[in-house]
């Protein structure tokens, strides 16, 4: 599975931002491209680790470990 992060420069304010469309994540106010990418990874990790409502007592919970690594095709 691949997850796309969109990095963009806001020339009006001289800052960078990011978006993760598949997860409805958007962030702005980053000083440079590297900071935008790092903040996007932090936002993805936060969303994946967030605890929701407790599972119903009669449900079976299956956990998966997800690791974020940059795709070899990424520029």
C-alpha atoms as a PDB file:
ATOM      1  CA  UNK A   1       0.000   0.000   0.000  1.00  0.00           C
ATOM      2  CA  UNK A   2       1.271   3.473  -0.818  1.00  0.00           C
ATOM      3  CA  UNK A   3       0.192   6.714   0.816  1.00  0.00           C
ATOM      4  CA  UNK A   4       0.757   9.989  -1.014  1.00  0.00           C
ATOM      5  CA  UNK A   5       1.852  13.153   0.766  1.00  0.00           C
ATOM      6  CA  UNK A   6       1.407  16.365  -1.217  1.00  0.00           C
ATOM      7  CA  UNK A   7       3.943  19.083  -0.385  1.00  0.00           C
ATOM      8  CA  UNK A   8       3.266  22.631  -1.561  1.00  0.00           C
ATOM      9  CA  UNK A   9       4.744  26.091  -1.170  1.00  0.00           C
ATOM     10  CA  UNK A  10       2.477  29.018  -0.293  1.00  0.00           C
ATOM     11  CA  UNK A  11       4.301  31.875  -1.992  1.00  0.00           C
ATOM     12  CA  UNK A  12       1.953  34.470  -0.463  1.00  0.00           C
ATOM     13  CA  UNK A  13       3.303  33.796   3.031  1.00  0.00           C
ATOM     14  CA  UNK A  14       6.619  32.144   2.157  1.00  0.00           C
ATOM     15  CA  UNK A  15       5.825  28.883   3.932  1.00  0.00           C
ATOM     16  CA  UNK A  16       5.314  25.242   3.042  1.00  0.00           C
ATOM     17  CA  UNK A  17       2.326  23.024   3.643  1.00  0.00           C
ATOM     18  CA  UNK A  18       1.303  19.414   3.182  1.00  0.00           C
ATOM     19  CA  UNK A  19      -1.722  17.288   2.509  1.00  0.00           C
ATOM     20  CA  UNK A  20      -2.516  13.609   2.872  1.00  0.00           C
ATOM     21  CA  UNK A  21      -5.714  13.262   0.822  1.00  0.00           C
ATOM     22  CA  UNK A  22      -6.411   9.628   1.766  1.00  0.00           C
ATOM     23  CA  UNK A  23      -6.530  10.600   5.449  1.00  0.00           C
ATOM     24  CA  UNK A  24      -8.075  14.092   5.117  1.00  0.00           C
ATOM     25  CA  UNK A  25      -4.953  15.652   6.661  1.00  0.00           C
ATOM     26  CA  UNK A  26      -3.846  19.200   5.773  1.00  0.00           C
ATOM     27  CA  UNK A  27      -1.168  21.281   7.448  1.00  0.00           C
ATOM     28  CA  UNK A  28       0.495  24.636   6.805  1.00  0.00           C
ATOM     29  CA  UNK A  29       3.010  27.012   8.333  1.00  0.00           C
ATOM     30  CA  UNK A  30       6.192  24.990   7.791  1.00  0.00           C
ATOM     31  CA  UNK A  31       9.471  26.859   7.293  1.00  0.00           C
ATOM     32  CA  UNK A  32      10.740  24.601   4.487  1.00  0.00           C
ATOM     33  CA  UNK A  33       9.971  21.489   2.445  1.00  0.00           C
ATOM     34  CA  UNK A  34      11.779  19.177   4.851  1.00  0.00           C
ATOM     35  CA  UNK A  35       9.764  20.492   7.805  1.00  0.00           C
ATOM     36  CA  UNK A  36       6.528  20.038   5.845  1.00  0.00           C
ATOM     37  CA  UNK A  37       7.422  16.427   5.075  1.00  0.00           C
ATOM     38  CA  UNK A  38       8.394  15.733   8.701  1.00  0.00           C
ATOM     39  CA  UNK A  39       5.182  17.328   9.991  1.00  0.00           C
ATOM     40  CA  UNK A  40       3.134  15.266   7.533  1.00  0.00           C
ATOM     41  CA  UNK A  41       4.732  12.059   8.839  1.00  0.00           C
ATOM     42  CA  UNK A  42       4.015  13.153  12.416  1.00  0.00           C
ATOM     43  CA  UNK A  43       0.378  13.870  11.509  1.00  0.00           C
ATOM     44  CA  UNK A  44      -0.001  10.453   9.874  1.00  0.00           C
ATOM     45  CA  UNK A  45       1.514   8.721  12.912  1.00  0.00           C
ATOM     46  CA  UNK A  46      -0.741  10.682  15.261  1.00  0.00           C
ATOM     47  CA  UNK A  47      -3.851   9.762  13.256  1.00  0.00           C
ATOM     48  CA  UNK A  48      -2.911   6.080  13.163  1.00  0.00           C
ATOM     49  CA  UNK A  49      -2.110   5.948  16.886  1.00  0.00           C
ATOM     50  CA  UNK A  50      -5.174   7.905  18.026  1.00  0.00           C
ATOM     51  CA  UNK A  51      -7.399   6.000  20.398  1.00  0.00           C
ATOM     52  CA  UNK A  52     -11.065   6.012  19.516  1.00  0.00           C
ATOM     53  CA  UNK A  53     -14.000   4.771  21.532  1.00  0.00           C
ATOM     54  CA  UNK A  54     -13.486   1.475  23.353  1.00  0.00           C
ATOM     55  CA  UNK A  55     -14.286  -1.621  21.314  1.00  0.00           C
ATOM     56  CA  UNK A  56     -17.499  -3.467  22.137  1.00  0.00           C
ATOM     57  CA  UNK A  57     -16.939  -6.302  24.628  1.00  0.00           C
ATOM     58  CA  UNK A  58     -17.994  -8.953  22.118  1.00  0.00           C
ATOM     59  CA  UNK A  59     -15.672  -7.769  19.336  1.00  0.00           C
ATOM     60  CA  UNK A  60     -12.377  -9.269  18.231  1.00  0.00           C
ATOM     61  CA  UNK A  61      -9.596  -6.694  17.980  1.00  0.00           C
ATOM     62  CA  UNK A  62      -6.786  -7.362  15.503  1.00  0.00           C
ATOM     63  CA  UNK A  63      -3.752  -5.056  15.560  1.00  0.00           C
ATOM     64  CA  UNK A  64      -1.439  -4.367  12.638  1.00  0.00           C
ATOM     65  CA  UNK A  65       1.959  -2.741  12.799  1.00  0.00           C
ATOM     66  CA  UNK A  66       2.390   0.011  10.223  1.00  0.00           C
ATOM     67  CA  UNK A  67       5.801   1.466   9.378  1.00  0.00           C
ATOM     68  CA  UNK A  68       6.255   4.589   7.280  1.00  0.00           C
ATOM     69  CA  UNK A  69       9.178   4.464   4.866  1.00  0.00           C
ATOM     70  CA  UNK A  70       9.870   6.669   1.893  1.00  0.00           C
ATOM     71  CA  UNK A  71       9.156   5.012  -1.440  1.00  0.00           C
ATOM     72  CA  UNK A  72      12.219   4.521  -3.671  1.00  0.00           C
ATOM     73  CA  UNK A  73      10.370   6.470  -6.403  1.00  0.00           C
ATOM     74  CA  UNK A  74       9.883   9.530  -4.131  1.00  0.00           C
ATOM     75  CA  UNK A  75      11.825  12.634  -5.103  1.00  0.00           C
END
